[in-house]
Amino acid sequence: MTGLVGVVLAAGLGTRFEDGNKLLARVEGEPIVGRAARSIADASLDRTIATLGHDGPAVRRAVDPHVDETIQVDEYERGQSRSVRAGARYARETTADAALFLPGDMPCVESKTVRRLVDAYRSAGDGAVVPTYDDRRGNPVLFDAAHFDELASLAGDTGGRELFEKIDVRRVPTNDPGIHVDIDTRTDLWSVRQSGCDTGRS
């Protein structure tokens, strides 16, 4: 039994980013994907992994200090669902209780937000758990093992969102605007660099 697995989704092409691999761009001196991995690693999870695809060796170097393992994603160019599928299959094969998924382009999520989701899950132990800020849902998202089979067969670029209408989803209010901050374009990167990740780290 693996307990709770954290999955950093870091295999994608990031085609909207105009110059280079967005996951390797730096915010406050650290690769974006490394910051995302650290927010999970600093929380109370039993194991942390990252999915790899595009620029796999470079992304691996960025996440290695914060994850226990990396896994290669086949056909990663077909969308985020491929990373979610790989993470769900890993969690299923290691008989994890639940898996928490965080896109690797989200450098501002607080570790304490991850811990709140874990605590909320452990208090009930089923369904899915999502954080909210300003009454809007964000990332990361935690799924109970009962949903691994569905996650392992997703298609497209929507991740696990398509399950939300079918399953019980618990919303956990937070004071963390970082759950809505992702880097898709150079403009997004410039904005985060200007304002900084003032959500802080715990």
N, C-alpha and C. Protein backbone atom coordinates (compact mmCIF):
# COMPACT_ATOMS: atom_id res chain seq x y z
N MET A 1 0.85 -1.20 0.00
CA MET A 1 0.00 0.00 0.00
C MET A 1 0.88 1.24 0.00
N THR A 2 0.67 2.11 -0.98
CA THR A 2 1.48 3.31 -1.12
C THR A 2 0.93 4.49 -0.33
N GLY A 3 -0.34 4.43 0.08
CA GLY A 3 -0.93 5.58 0.75
C GLY A 3 -1.35 6.62 -0.25
N LEU A 4 -0.92 7.86 -0.06
CA LEU A 4 -1.28 8.97 -0.96
C LEU A 4 -0.11 9.31 -1.86
N VAL A 5 -0.39 9.32 -3.16
CA VAL A 5 0.63 9.61 -4.17
C VAL A 5 0.39 10.99 -4.75
N GLY A 6 1.43 11.80 -4.84
CA GLY A 6 1.36 13.08 -5.52
C GLY A 6 1.94 12.95 -6.91
N VAL A 7 1.23 13.46 -7.91
CA VAL A 7 1.65 13.34 -9.31
C VAL A 7 1.82 14.74 -9.91
N VAL A 8 3.03 15.06 -10.32
CA VAL A 8 3.29 16.31 -11.03
C VAL A 8 3.17 16.02 -12.52
N LEU A 9 2.24 16.69 -13.18
CA LEU A 9 1.98 16.46 -14.60
C LEU A 9 2.93 17.32 -15.43
N ALA A 10 4.00 16.70 -15.94
CA ALA A 10 5.09 17.47 -16.52
C ALA A 10 5.55 16.92 -17.87
N ALA A 11 4.63 16.35 -18.64
CA ALA A 11 5.01 15.70 -19.90
C ALA A 11 4.65 16.50 -21.14
N GLY A 12 3.84 17.54 -21.01
CA GLY A 12 3.23 18.17 -22.17
C GLY A 12 4.15 19.04 -23.01
N LEU A 13 3.63 19.40 -24.20
CA LEU A 13 4.39 20.22 -25.14
C LEU A 13 4.34 21.70 -24.82
N GLY A 14 3.26 22.16 -24.17
CA GLY A 14 3.13 23.58 -23.87
C GLY A 14 3.18 24.44 -25.11
N THR A 15 2.34 24.11 -26.10
CA THR A 15 2.44 24.76 -27.41
C THR A 15 2.07 26.24 -27.41
N ARG A 16 1.35 26.71 -26.40
CA ARG A 16 0.98 28.14 -26.37
C ARG A 16 2.13 29.02 -25.89
N PHE A 17 3.15 28.41 -25.32
CA PHE A 17 4.31 29.17 -24.85
C PHE A 17 5.21 29.46 -26.04
N GLU A 18 5.54 30.73 -26.23
CA GLU A 18 6.14 31.15 -27.49
C GLU A 18 7.64 30.85 -27.62
N ASP A 19 8.33 30.53 -26.52
CA ASP A 19 9.79 30.43 -26.61
C ASP A 19 10.31 29.41 -25.61
N GLY A 20 10.64 28.22 -26.11
CA GLY A 20 11.21 27.21 -25.22
C GLY A 20 10.15 26.45 -24.43
N ASN A 21 10.61 25.68 -23.47
CA ASN A 21 9.74 24.86 -22.63
C ASN A 21 9.34 25.66 -21.40
N LYS A 22 8.05 25.93 -21.26
CA LYS A 22 7.58 26.77 -20.15
C LYS A 22 7.92 26.16 -18.80
N LEU A 23 7.96 24.83 -18.71
CA LEU A 23 8.21 24.20 -17.42
C LEU A 23 9.61 24.49 -16.91
N LEU A 24 10.52 24.83 -17.82
CA LEU A 24 11.90 25.10 -17.43
C LEU A 24 12.18 26.58 -17.26
N ALA A 25 11.21 27.43 -17.62
CA ALA A 25 11.34 28.87 -17.35
C ALA A 25 11.41 29.08 -15.84
N ARG A 26 12.06 30.14 -15.42
CA ARG A 26 12.31 30.33 -13.99
C ARG A 26 11.42 31.41 -13.38
N VAL A 27 10.96 31.11 -12.18
CA VAL A 27 10.25 32.07 -11.35
C VAL A 27 10.98 32.13 -10.02
N GLU A 28 11.43 33.32 -9.67
CA GLU A 28 12.19 33.51 -8.44
C GLU A 28 13.37 32.55 -8.37
N GLY A 29 14.05 32.40 -9.54
CA GLY A 29 15.27 31.63 -9.59
C GLY A 29 15.13 30.12 -9.66
N GLU A 30 13.92 29.62 -9.80
CA GLU A 30 13.68 28.18 -9.78
C GLU A 30 12.80 27.79 -10.96
N PRO A 31 13.08 26.64 -11.61
CA PRO A 31 12.21 26.22 -12.71
C PRO A 31 10.77 26.07 -12.25
N ILE A 32 9.84 26.47 -13.11
CA ILE A 32 8.42 26.41 -12.78
C ILE A 32 8.03 25.01 -12.32
N VAL A 33 8.47 23.99 -13.05
CA VAL A 33 8.09 22.63 -12.70
C VAL A 33 8.73 22.18 -11.38
N GLY A 34 9.90 22.71 -11.08
CA GLY A 34 10.53 22.40 -9.80
C GLY A 34 9.75 22.98 -8.63
N ARG A 35 9.23 24.19 -8.81
CA ARG A 35 8.41 24.80 -7.76
C ARG A 35 7.13 23.99 -7.54
N ALA A 36 6.52 23.55 -8.66
CA ALA A 36 5.31 22.74 -8.52
C ALA A 36 5.60 21.45 -7.77
N ALA A 37 6.68 20.78 -8.14
CA ALA A 37 7.05 19.54 -7.47
C ALA A 37 7.34 19.77 -6.00
N ARG A 38 7.97 20.88 -5.68
CA ARG A 38 8.31 21.16 -4.28
C ARG A 38 7.06 21.39 -3.44
N SER A 39 6.02 22.00 -4.02
CA SER A 39 4.81 22.26 -3.25
C SER A 39 4.15 20.95 -2.82
N ILE A 40 4.29 19.90 -3.64
CA ILE A 40 3.78 18.59 -3.25
C ILE A 40 4.73 17.90 -2.29
N ALA A 41 6.03 17.97 -2.59
CA ALA A 41 7.02 17.28 -1.77
C ALA A 41 7.01 17.78 -0.33
N ASP A 42 6.68 19.06 -0.14
CA ASP A 42 6.68 19.65 1.20
C ASP A 42 5.39 19.36 1.96
N ALA A 43 4.44 18.68 1.33
CA ALA A 43 3.17 18.35 1.98
C ALA A 43 3.22 16.91 2.52
N SER A 44 2.13 16.51 3.14
CA SER A 44 2.12 15.23 3.85
C SER A 44 1.63 14.09 2.96
N LEU A 45 2.37 13.83 1.87
CA LEU A 45 2.06 12.72 0.98
C LEU A 45 3.07 11.60 1.22
N ASP A 46 2.69 10.39 0.84
CA ASP A 46 3.56 9.25 1.07
C ASP A 46 4.59 9.05 -0.03
N ARG A 47 4.25 9.50 -1.24
CA ARG A 47 5.17 9.34 -2.37
C ARG A 47 4.84 10.39 -3.41
N THR A 48 5.87 10.90 -4.09
CA THR A 48 5.68 11.91 -5.12
C THR A 48 6.38 11.48 -6.39
N ILE A 49 5.66 11.58 -7.52
CA ILE A 49 6.23 11.23 -8.81
C ILE A 49 5.98 12.37 -9.79
N ALA A 50 6.69 12.34 -10.91
CA ALA A 50 6.46 13.29 -11.99
C ALA A 50 6.39 12.53 -13.30
N THR A 51 5.48 12.94 -14.17
CA THR A 51 5.39 12.36 -15.50
C THR A 51 6.31 13.14 -16.43
N LEU A 52 6.96 12.43 -17.34
CA LEU A 52 7.90 13.05 -18.27
C LEU A 52 7.50 12.75 -19.71
N GLY A 53 7.81 13.68 -20.60
CA GLY A 53 7.57 13.50 -22.02
C GLY A 53 8.46 14.44 -22.79
N HIS A 54 7.91 15.58 -23.19
CA HIS A 54 8.67 16.61 -23.91
C HIS A 54 9.84 17.08 -23.06
N ASP A 55 11.05 17.15 -23.65
CA ASP A 55 12.25 17.58 -22.92
C ASP A 55 12.45 16.76 -21.64
N GLY A 56 12.20 15.47 -21.74
CA GLY A 56 12.23 14.62 -20.55
C GLY A 56 13.48 14.74 -19.69
N PRO A 57 14.70 14.63 -20.25
CA PRO A 57 15.90 14.71 -19.41
C PRO A 57 16.02 16.03 -18.66
N ALA A 58 15.71 17.14 -19.32
CA ALA A 58 15.83 18.45 -18.66
C ALA A 58 14.77 18.61 -17.57
N VAL A 59 13.55 18.16 -17.86
CA VAL A 59 12.49 18.24 -16.85
C VAL A 59 12.84 17.34 -15.66
N ARG A 60 13.40 16.17 -15.94
CA ARG A 60 13.79 15.27 -14.85
C ARG A 60 14.80 15.95 -13.92
N ARG A 61 15.76 16.63 -14.49
CA ARG A 61 16.75 17.32 -13.65
C ARG A 61 16.09 18.37 -12.77
N ALA A 62 15.05 19.02 -13.30
CA ALA A 62 14.38 20.07 -12.53
C ALA A 62 13.56 19.52 -11.38
N VAL A 63 12.98 18.34 -11.55
CA VAL A 63 12.10 17.79 -10.52
C VAL A 63 12.80 16.81 -9.59
N ASP A 64 13.95 16.28 -10.01
CA ASP A 64 14.62 15.23 -9.24
C ASP A 64 14.80 15.53 -7.74
N PRO A 65 15.12 16.78 -7.36
CA PRO A 65 15.30 17.04 -5.93
C PRO A 65 14.02 16.88 -5.11
N HIS A 66 12.87 16.82 -5.77
CA HIS A 66 11.60 16.88 -5.05
C HIS A 66 10.70 15.65 -5.22
N VAL A 67 11.07 14.73 -6.10
CA VAL A 67 10.20 13.57 -6.35
C VAL A 67 10.94 12.27 -6.04
N ASP A 68 10.16 11.24 -5.77
CA ASP A 68 10.74 9.92 -5.51
C ASP A 68 11.00 9.15 -6.80
N GLU A 69 10.26 9.47 -7.84
CA GLU A 69 10.36 8.70 -9.08
C GLU A 69 9.79 9.52 -10.23
N THR A 70 10.29 9.25 -11.43
CA THR A 70 9.71 9.83 -12.64
C THR A 70 9.26 8.69 -13.56
N ILE A 71 8.21 8.94 -14.34
CA ILE A 71 7.71 7.93 -15.27
C ILE A 71 7.53 8.56 -16.64
N GLN A 72 7.93 7.82 -17.66
CA GLN A 72 7.83 8.29 -19.03
C GLN A 72 6.41 8.07 -19.55
N VAL A 73 5.86 9.08 -20.23
CA VAL A 73 4.51 9.02 -20.76
C VAL A 73 4.55 8.76 -22.26
N ASP A 74 3.86 7.73 -22.72
CA ASP A 74 3.74 7.47 -24.15
C ASP A 74 2.72 8.43 -24.77
N GLU A 75 2.99 8.87 -25.98
CA GLU A 75 2.07 9.75 -26.72
C GLU A 75 1.69 10.99 -25.92
N TYR A 76 2.67 11.57 -25.23
CA TYR A 76 2.41 12.75 -24.40
C TYR A 76 1.90 13.93 -25.20
N GLU A 77 2.20 13.93 -26.51
CA GLU A 77 1.77 15.05 -27.35
C GLU A 77 0.26 15.07 -27.55
N ARG A 78 -0.46 14.04 -27.10
CA ARG A 78 -1.90 13.96 -27.30
C ARG A 78 -2.70 14.62 -26.18
N GLY A 79 -2.03 15.27 -25.24
CA GLY A 79 -2.75 16.05 -24.25
C GLY A 79 -2.51 15.61 -22.81
N GLN A 80 -3.00 16.45 -21.89
CA GLN A 80 -2.76 16.22 -20.46
C GLN A 80 -3.33 14.89 -19.98
N SER A 81 -4.37 14.41 -20.64
CA SER A 81 -4.97 13.15 -20.20
C SER A 81 -3.95 12.02 -20.18
N ARG A 82 -2.95 12.08 -21.08
CA ARG A 82 -1.94 11.02 -21.11
C ARG A 82 -1.12 11.00 -19.82
N SER A 83 -0.82 12.18 -19.29
CA SER A 83 -0.11 12.25 -18.02
C SER A 83 -0.98 11.77 -16.87
N VAL A 84 -2.26 12.19 -16.89
CA VAL A 84 -3.17 11.75 -15.84
C VAL A 84 -3.32 10.23 -15.88
N ARG A 85 -3.46 9.68 -17.08
CA ARG A 85 -3.58 8.23 -17.22
C ARG A 85 -2.36 7.52 -16.64
N ALA A 86 -1.17 8.02 -16.97
CA ALA A 86 0.05 7.39 -16.47
C ALA A 86 0.13 7.46 -14.95
N GLY A 87 -0.23 8.63 -14.39
CA GLY A 87 -0.20 8.77 -12.94
C GLY A 87 -1.21 7.88 -12.25
N ALA A 88 -2.42 7.78 -12.84
CA ALA A 88 -3.45 6.92 -12.26
C ALA A 88 -3.05 5.45 -12.32
N ARG A 89 -2.44 5.05 -13.41
CA ARG A 89 -2.00 3.67 -13.53
C ARG A 89 -0.90 3.35 -12.53
N TYR A 90 0.01 4.29 -12.35
CA TYR A 90 1.05 4.11 -11.33
C TYR A 90 0.42 3.95 -9.95
N ALA A 91 -0.51 4.84 -9.62
CA ALA A 91 -1.17 4.78 -8.31
C ALA A 91 -1.94 3.47 -8.15
N ARG A 92 -2.59 3.04 -9.21
CA ARG A 92 -3.34 1.77 -9.16
C ARG A 92 -2.40 0.59 -8.96
N GLU A 93 -1.30 0.57 -9.70
CA GLU A 93 -0.36 -0.55 -9.61
C GLU A 93 0.33 -0.62 -8.25
N THR A 94 0.49 0.52 -7.60
CA THR A 94 1.12 0.53 -6.28
C THR A 94 0.09 0.48 -5.16
N THR A 95 -1.16 0.20 -5.51
CA THR A 95 -2.29 0.08 -4.58
C THR A 95 -2.39 1.28 -3.64
N ALA A 96 -2.26 2.47 -4.22
CA ALA A 96 -2.40 3.70 -3.43
C ALA A 96 -3.85 3.90 -3.01
N ASP A 97 -4.04 4.61 -1.91
CA ASP A 97 -5.38 4.96 -1.45
C ASP A 97 -5.98 6.08 -2.29
N ALA A 98 -5.14 7.00 -2.73
CA ALA A 98 -5.60 8.16 -3.48
C ALA A 98 -4.42 8.77 -4.21
N ALA A 99 -4.72 9.59 -5.21
CA ALA A 99 -3.67 10.29 -5.95
C ALA A 99 -4.05 11.75 -6.11
N LEU A 100 -3.07 12.61 -5.93
CA LEU A 100 -3.25 14.05 -6.07
C LEU A 100 -2.48 14.50 -7.30
N PHE A 101 -3.15 15.25 -8.18
CA PHE A 101 -2.57 15.67 -9.46
C PHE A 101 -2.38 17.18 -9.48
N LEU A 102 -1.16 17.62 -9.82
CA LEU A 102 -0.88 19.04 -9.96
C LEU A 102 -0.17 19.28 -11.30
N PRO A 103 -0.73 20.13 -12.16
CA PRO A 103 -0.03 20.47 -13.41
C PRO A 103 1.32 21.11 -13.11
N GLY A 104 2.32 20.72 -13.89
CA GLY A 104 3.66 21.21 -13.65
C GLY A 104 3.88 22.67 -13.98
N ASP A 105 2.87 23.32 -14.61
CA ASP A 105 3.02 24.74 -14.96
C ASP A 105 2.38 25.65 -13.92
N MET A 106 2.17 25.13 -12.70
CA MET A 106 1.54 25.93 -11.63
C MET A 106 2.55 26.12 -10.49
N PRO A 107 3.34 27.20 -10.53
CA PRO A 107 4.44 27.38 -9.59
C PRO A 107 4.07 28.05 -8.27
N CYS A 108 2.81 28.42 -8.08
CA CYS A 108 2.47 29.25 -6.93
C CYS A 108 1.55 28.58 -5.91
N VAL A 109 1.29 27.30 -6.06
CA VAL A 109 0.44 26.60 -5.09
C VAL A 109 1.20 26.41 -3.78
N GLU A 110 0.53 26.70 -2.68
CA GLU A 110 1.16 26.55 -1.36
C GLU A 110 1.12 25.10 -0.89
N SER A 111 2.18 24.68 -0.22
CA SER A 111 2.19 23.34 0.35
C SER A 111 1.07 23.14 1.36
N LYS A 112 0.73 24.19 2.08
CA LYS A 112 -0.33 24.03 3.08
C LYS A 112 -1.68 23.78 2.42
N THR A 113 -1.85 24.24 1.18
CA THR A 113 -3.07 23.92 0.43
C THR A 113 -3.13 22.43 0.15
N VAL A 114 -2.00 21.86 -0.29
CA VAL A 114 -1.94 20.42 -0.53
C VAL A 114 -2.27 19.65 0.75
N ARG A 115 -1.72 20.09 1.85
CA ARG A 115 -1.98 19.41 3.13
C ARG A 115 -3.45 19.51 3.50
N ARG A 116 -4.10 20.62 3.21
CA ARG A 116 -5.53 20.75 3.52
C ARG A 116 -6.36 19.77 2.71
N LEU A 117 -6.00 19.57 1.46
CA LEU A 117 -6.72 18.59 0.65
C LEU A 117 -6.52 17.18 1.20
N VAL A 118 -5.30 16.87 1.58
CA VAL A 118 -5.01 15.55 2.15
C VAL A 118 -5.80 15.34 3.43
N ASP A 119 -5.83 16.35 4.29
CA ASP A 119 -6.57 16.23 5.55
C ASP A 119 -8.06 16.05 5.28
N ALA A 120 -8.59 16.80 4.30
CA ALA A 120 -10.01 16.67 3.97
C ALA A 120 -10.32 15.28 3.44
N TYR A 121 -9.43 14.75 2.62
CA TYR A 121 -9.64 13.39 2.11
C TYR A 121 -9.59 12.38 3.25
N ARG A 122 -8.62 12.49 4.11
CA ARG A 122 -8.46 11.52 5.18
C ARG A 122 -9.62 11.56 6.18
N SER A 123 -10.33 12.67 6.23
CA SER A 123 -11.46 12.76 7.14
C SER A 123 -12.69 12.03 6.62
N ALA A 124 -12.73 11.76 5.30
CA ALA A 124 -13.89 11.09 4.72
C ALA A 124 -13.50 9.87 3.89
N GLY A 125 -12.44 10.02 3.08
CA GLY A 125 -11.89 8.89 2.36
C GLY A 125 -12.64 8.42 1.14
N ASP A 126 -13.22 9.33 0.38
CA ASP A 126 -13.84 8.91 -0.87
C ASP A 126 -13.96 10.10 -1.81
N GLY A 127 -14.44 9.84 -3.03
CA GLY A 127 -14.70 10.92 -3.98
C GLY A 127 -13.46 11.65 -4.42
N ALA A 128 -13.63 12.95 -4.68
CA ALA A 128 -12.54 13.83 -5.09
C ALA A 128 -12.55 15.06 -4.19
N VAL A 129 -11.38 15.68 -4.06
CA VAL A 129 -11.24 16.87 -3.24
C VAL A 129 -10.55 17.94 -4.07
N VAL A 130 -11.13 19.15 -4.10
CA VAL A 130 -10.55 20.26 -4.85
C VAL A 130 -10.45 21.49 -3.96
N PRO A 131 -9.44 22.34 -4.19
CA PRO A 131 -9.35 23.60 -3.44
C PRO A 131 -10.16 24.69 -4.14
N THR A 132 -10.63 25.64 -3.37
CA THR A 132 -11.27 26.82 -3.96
C THR A 132 -10.63 28.08 -3.39
N TYR A 133 -10.64 29.13 -4.20
CA TYR A 133 -10.23 30.45 -3.76
C TYR A 133 -11.17 31.44 -4.43
N ASP A 134 -11.72 32.35 -3.65
CA ASP A 134 -12.70 33.30 -4.18
C ASP A 134 -13.87 32.54 -4.81
N ASP A 135 -14.19 31.39 -4.20
CA ASP A 135 -15.31 30.54 -4.61
C ASP A 135 -15.13 29.91 -5.99
N ARG A 136 -13.91 29.89 -6.49
CA ARG A 136 -13.62 29.24 -7.77
C ARG A 136 -12.71 28.04 -7.56
N ARG A 137 -13.04 26.95 -8.20
CA ARG A 137 -12.26 25.73 -8.09
C ARG A 137 -10.91 25.89 -8.77
N GLY A 138 -9.89 25.22 -8.22
CA GLY A 138 -8.56 25.26 -8.82
C GLY A 138 -7.84 23.93 -8.71
N ASN A 139 -6.53 23.96 -8.81
CA ASN A 139 -5.68 22.79 -8.70
C ASN A 139 -4.77 22.91 -7.48
N PRO A 140 -4.30 21.77 -6.94
CA PRO A 140 -4.39 20.39 -7.43
C PRO A 140 -5.74 19.73 -7.11
N VAL A 141 -5.92 18.53 -7.66
CA VAL A 141 -7.13 17.75 -7.42
C VAL A 141 -6.74 16.38 -6.91
N LEU A 142 -7.44 15.92 -5.88
CA LEU A 142 -7.16 14.61 -5.28
C LEU A 142 -8.31 13.66 -5.58
N PHE A 143 -7.99 12.46 -6.07
CA PHE A 143 -8.99 11.44 -6.39
C PHE A 143 -8.77 10.19 -5.55
N ASP A 144 -9.85 9.65 -5.02
CA ASP A 144 -9.80 8.37 -4.33
C ASP A 144 -9.51 7.25 -5.32
N ALA A 145 -8.97 6.13 -4.80
CA ALA A 145 -8.62 4.99 -5.65
C ALA A 145 -9.80 4.42 -6.41
N ALA A 146 -11.01 4.65 -5.93
CA ALA A 146 -12.21 4.15 -6.62
C ALA A 146 -12.32 4.72 -8.04
N HIS A 147 -11.61 5.81 -8.32
CA HIS A 147 -11.72 6.46 -9.63
C HIS A 147 -10.49 6.25 -10.50
N PHE A 148 -9.54 5.43 -10.06
CA PHE A 148 -8.33 5.22 -10.84
C PHE A 148 -8.63 4.61 -12.21
N ASP A 149 -9.57 3.67 -12.27
CA ASP A 149 -9.87 3.04 -13.56
C ASP A 149 -10.38 4.07 -14.57
N GLU A 150 -11.25 4.96 -14.12
CA GLU A 150 -11.77 5.99 -15.02
C GLU A 150 -10.66 6.96 -15.44
N LEU A 151 -9.82 7.34 -14.49
CA LEU A 151 -8.72 8.26 -14.79
C LEU A 151 -7.74 7.62 -15.76
N ALA A 152 -7.55 6.31 -15.63
CA ALA A 152 -6.58 5.60 -16.47
C ALA A 152 -7.06 5.42 -17.90
N SER A 153 -8.30 5.81 -18.19
CA SER A 153 -8.82 5.66 -19.54
C SER A 153 -9.26 6.99 -20.14
N LEU A 154 -8.82 8.11 -19.57
CA LEU A 154 -9.19 9.43 -20.09
C LEU A 154 -8.61 9.67 -21.47
N ALA A 155 -9.23 10.59 -22.20
CA ALA A 155 -8.72 11.01 -23.50
C ALA A 155 -8.78 12.53 -23.59
N GLY A 156 -7.99 13.10 -24.50
CA GLY A 156 -8.05 14.54 -24.74
C GLY A 156 -7.16 15.33 -23.81
N ASP A 157 -7.51 16.60 -23.61
CA ASP A 157 -6.64 17.51 -22.86
C ASP A 157 -7.36 18.13 -21.67
N THR A 158 -8.35 17.43 -21.12
CA THR A 158 -9.12 18.00 -20.01
C THR A 158 -8.70 17.46 -18.66
N GLY A 159 -7.76 16.52 -18.62
CA GLY A 159 -7.37 15.95 -17.33
C GLY A 159 -8.54 15.23 -16.70
N GLY A 160 -8.64 15.33 -15.36
CA GLY A 160 -9.70 14.62 -14.65
C GLY A 160 -10.99 15.39 -14.50
N ARG A 161 -11.08 16.58 -15.10
CA ARG A 161 -12.26 17.42 -14.90
C ARG A 161 -13.55 16.77 -15.39
N GLU A 162 -13.42 15.93 -16.42
CA GLU A 162 -14.64 15.35 -16.99
C GLU A 162 -15.33 14.39 -16.02
N LEU A 163 -14.64 13.99 -14.96
CA LEU A 163 -15.27 13.12 -13.96
C LEU A 163 -16.12 13.88 -12.95
N PHE A 164 -15.92 15.19 -12.87
CA PHE A 164 -16.53 15.95 -11.79
C PHE A 164 -18.05 15.90 -11.78
N GLU A 165 -18.66 15.74 -12.95
CA GLU A 165 -20.11 15.69 -13.00
C GLU A 165 -20.67 14.32 -12.60
N LYS A 166 -19.79 13.34 -12.47
CA LYS A 166 -20.23 11.98 -12.18
C LYS A 166 -19.99 11.56 -10.74
N ILE A 167 -19.09 12.25 -10.04
CA ILE A 167 -18.67 11.78 -8.72
C ILE A 167 -18.85 12.87 -7.68
N ASP A 168 -18.76 12.46 -6.42
CA ASP A 168 -18.83 13.40 -5.31
C ASP A 168 -17.54 14.21 -5.25
N VAL A 169 -17.65 15.53 -5.30
CA VAL A 169 -16.48 16.41 -5.26
C VAL A 169 -16.59 17.32 -4.04
N ARG A 170 -15.65 17.21 -3.15
CA ARG A 170 -15.64 18.05 -1.96
C ARG A 170 -14.79 19.28 -2.22
N ARG A 171 -15.34 20.46 -1.96
CA ARG A 171 -14.64 21.72 -2.18
C ARG A 171 -14.06 22.20 -0.86
N VAL A 172 -12.78 22.54 -0.87
CA VAL A 172 -12.08 22.97 0.34
C VAL A 172 -11.65 24.42 0.15
N PRO A 173 -12.29 25.36 0.86
CA PRO A 173 -11.90 26.77 0.74
C PRO A 173 -10.47 27.00 1.22
N THR A 174 -9.73 27.84 0.50
CA THR A 174 -8.37 28.19 0.89
C THR A 174 -8.17 29.69 0.74
N ASN A 175 -7.04 30.17 1.26
CA ASN A 175 -6.61 31.55 1.04
C ASN A 175 -5.45 31.59 0.05
N ASP A 176 -5.46 30.70 -0.90
CA ASP A 176 -4.32 30.50 -1.79
C ASP A 176 -4.70 30.84 -3.24
N PRO A 177 -4.42 32.06 -3.71
CA PRO A 177 -4.70 32.39 -5.11
C PRO A 177 -3.84 31.60 -6.08
N GLY A 178 -2.78 30.96 -5.59
CA GLY A 178 -1.91 30.18 -6.45
C GLY A 178 -2.59 29.00 -7.10
N ILE A 179 -3.74 28.59 -6.60
CA ILE A 179 -4.45 27.44 -7.20
C ILE A 179 -5.04 27.79 -8.56
N HIS A 180 -5.03 29.10 -8.90
CA HIS A 180 -5.54 29.55 -10.20
C HIS A 180 -4.43 30.05 -11.12
N VAL A 181 -3.17 30.00 -10.68
CA VAL A 181 -2.08 30.59 -11.44
C VAL A 181 -1.35 29.50 -12.22
N ASP A 182 -1.52 29.50 -13.55
CA ASP A 182 -0.74 28.61 -14.39
C ASP A 182 -0.04 29.44 -15.47
N ILE A 183 1.04 28.88 -15.98
CA ILE A 183 1.84 29.58 -16.98
C ILE A 183 1.61 28.93 -18.33
N ASP A 184 0.87 29.60 -19.20
CA ASP A 184 0.63 29.09 -20.55
C ASP A 184 1.38 29.88 -21.61
N THR A 185 1.62 31.18 -21.36
CA THR A 185 2.22 32.06 -22.35
C THR A 185 3.33 32.88 -21.73
N ARG A 186 4.11 33.56 -22.57
CA ARG A 186 5.15 34.46 -22.05
C ARG A 186 4.52 35.59 -21.23
N THR A 187 3.32 36.01 -21.62
CA THR A 187 2.63 37.05 -20.85
C THR A 187 2.31 36.56 -19.45
N ASP A 188 1.86 35.33 -19.33
CA ASP A 188 1.61 34.75 -18.00
C ASP A 188 2.89 34.75 -17.18
N LEU A 189 3.99 34.35 -17.79
CA LEU A 189 5.27 34.30 -17.08
C LEU A 189 5.69 35.68 -16.63
N TRP A 190 5.55 36.65 -17.52
CA TRP A 190 5.92 38.02 -17.16
C TRP A 190 5.08 38.51 -15.98
N SER A 191 3.78 38.20 -16.00
CA SER A 191 2.90 38.64 -14.93
C SER A 191 3.31 38.05 -13.59
N VAL A 192 3.63 36.75 -13.58
CA VAL A 192 4.04 36.12 -12.32
C VAL A 192 5.38 36.67 -11.86
N ARG A 193 6.28 36.90 -12.79
CA ARG A 193 7.58 37.46 -12.41
C ARG A 193 7.44 38.87 -11.85
N GLN A 194 6.47 39.62 -12.36
CA GLN A 194 6.26 40.98 -11.86
C GLN A 194 5.66 40.98 -10.46
N SER A 195 4.65 40.13 -10.26
CA SER A 195 3.94 40.14 -8.98
C SER A 195 4.55 39.19 -7.98
N GLY A 196 5.26 38.17 -8.47
CA GLY A 196 5.84 37.17 -7.60
C GLY A 196 4.79 36.20 -7.08
N CYS A 197 5.25 35.10 -6.52
CA CYS A 197 4.34 34.14 -5.87
C CYS A 197 4.20 34.56 -4.42
N ASP A 198 3.38 35.59 -4.21
CA ASP A 198 3.26 36.14 -2.87
C ASP A 198 2.35 35.31 -1.97
N THR A 199 1.95 34.13 -2.49
CA THR A 199 1.17 33.25 -1.63
C THR A 199 2.02 32.62 -0.55
N GLY A 200 3.34 32.57 -0.77
CA GLY A 200 4.24 32.06 0.25
C GLY A 200 4.32 30.56 0.29
N ARG A 201 5.21 30.08 1.09
CA ARG A 201 5.40 28.65 1.29
C ARG A 201 5.40 28.36 2.79
N SER A 202 4.85 27.19 3.16
CA SER A 202 4.83 26.83 4.58
C SER A 202 5.75 25.67 4.82
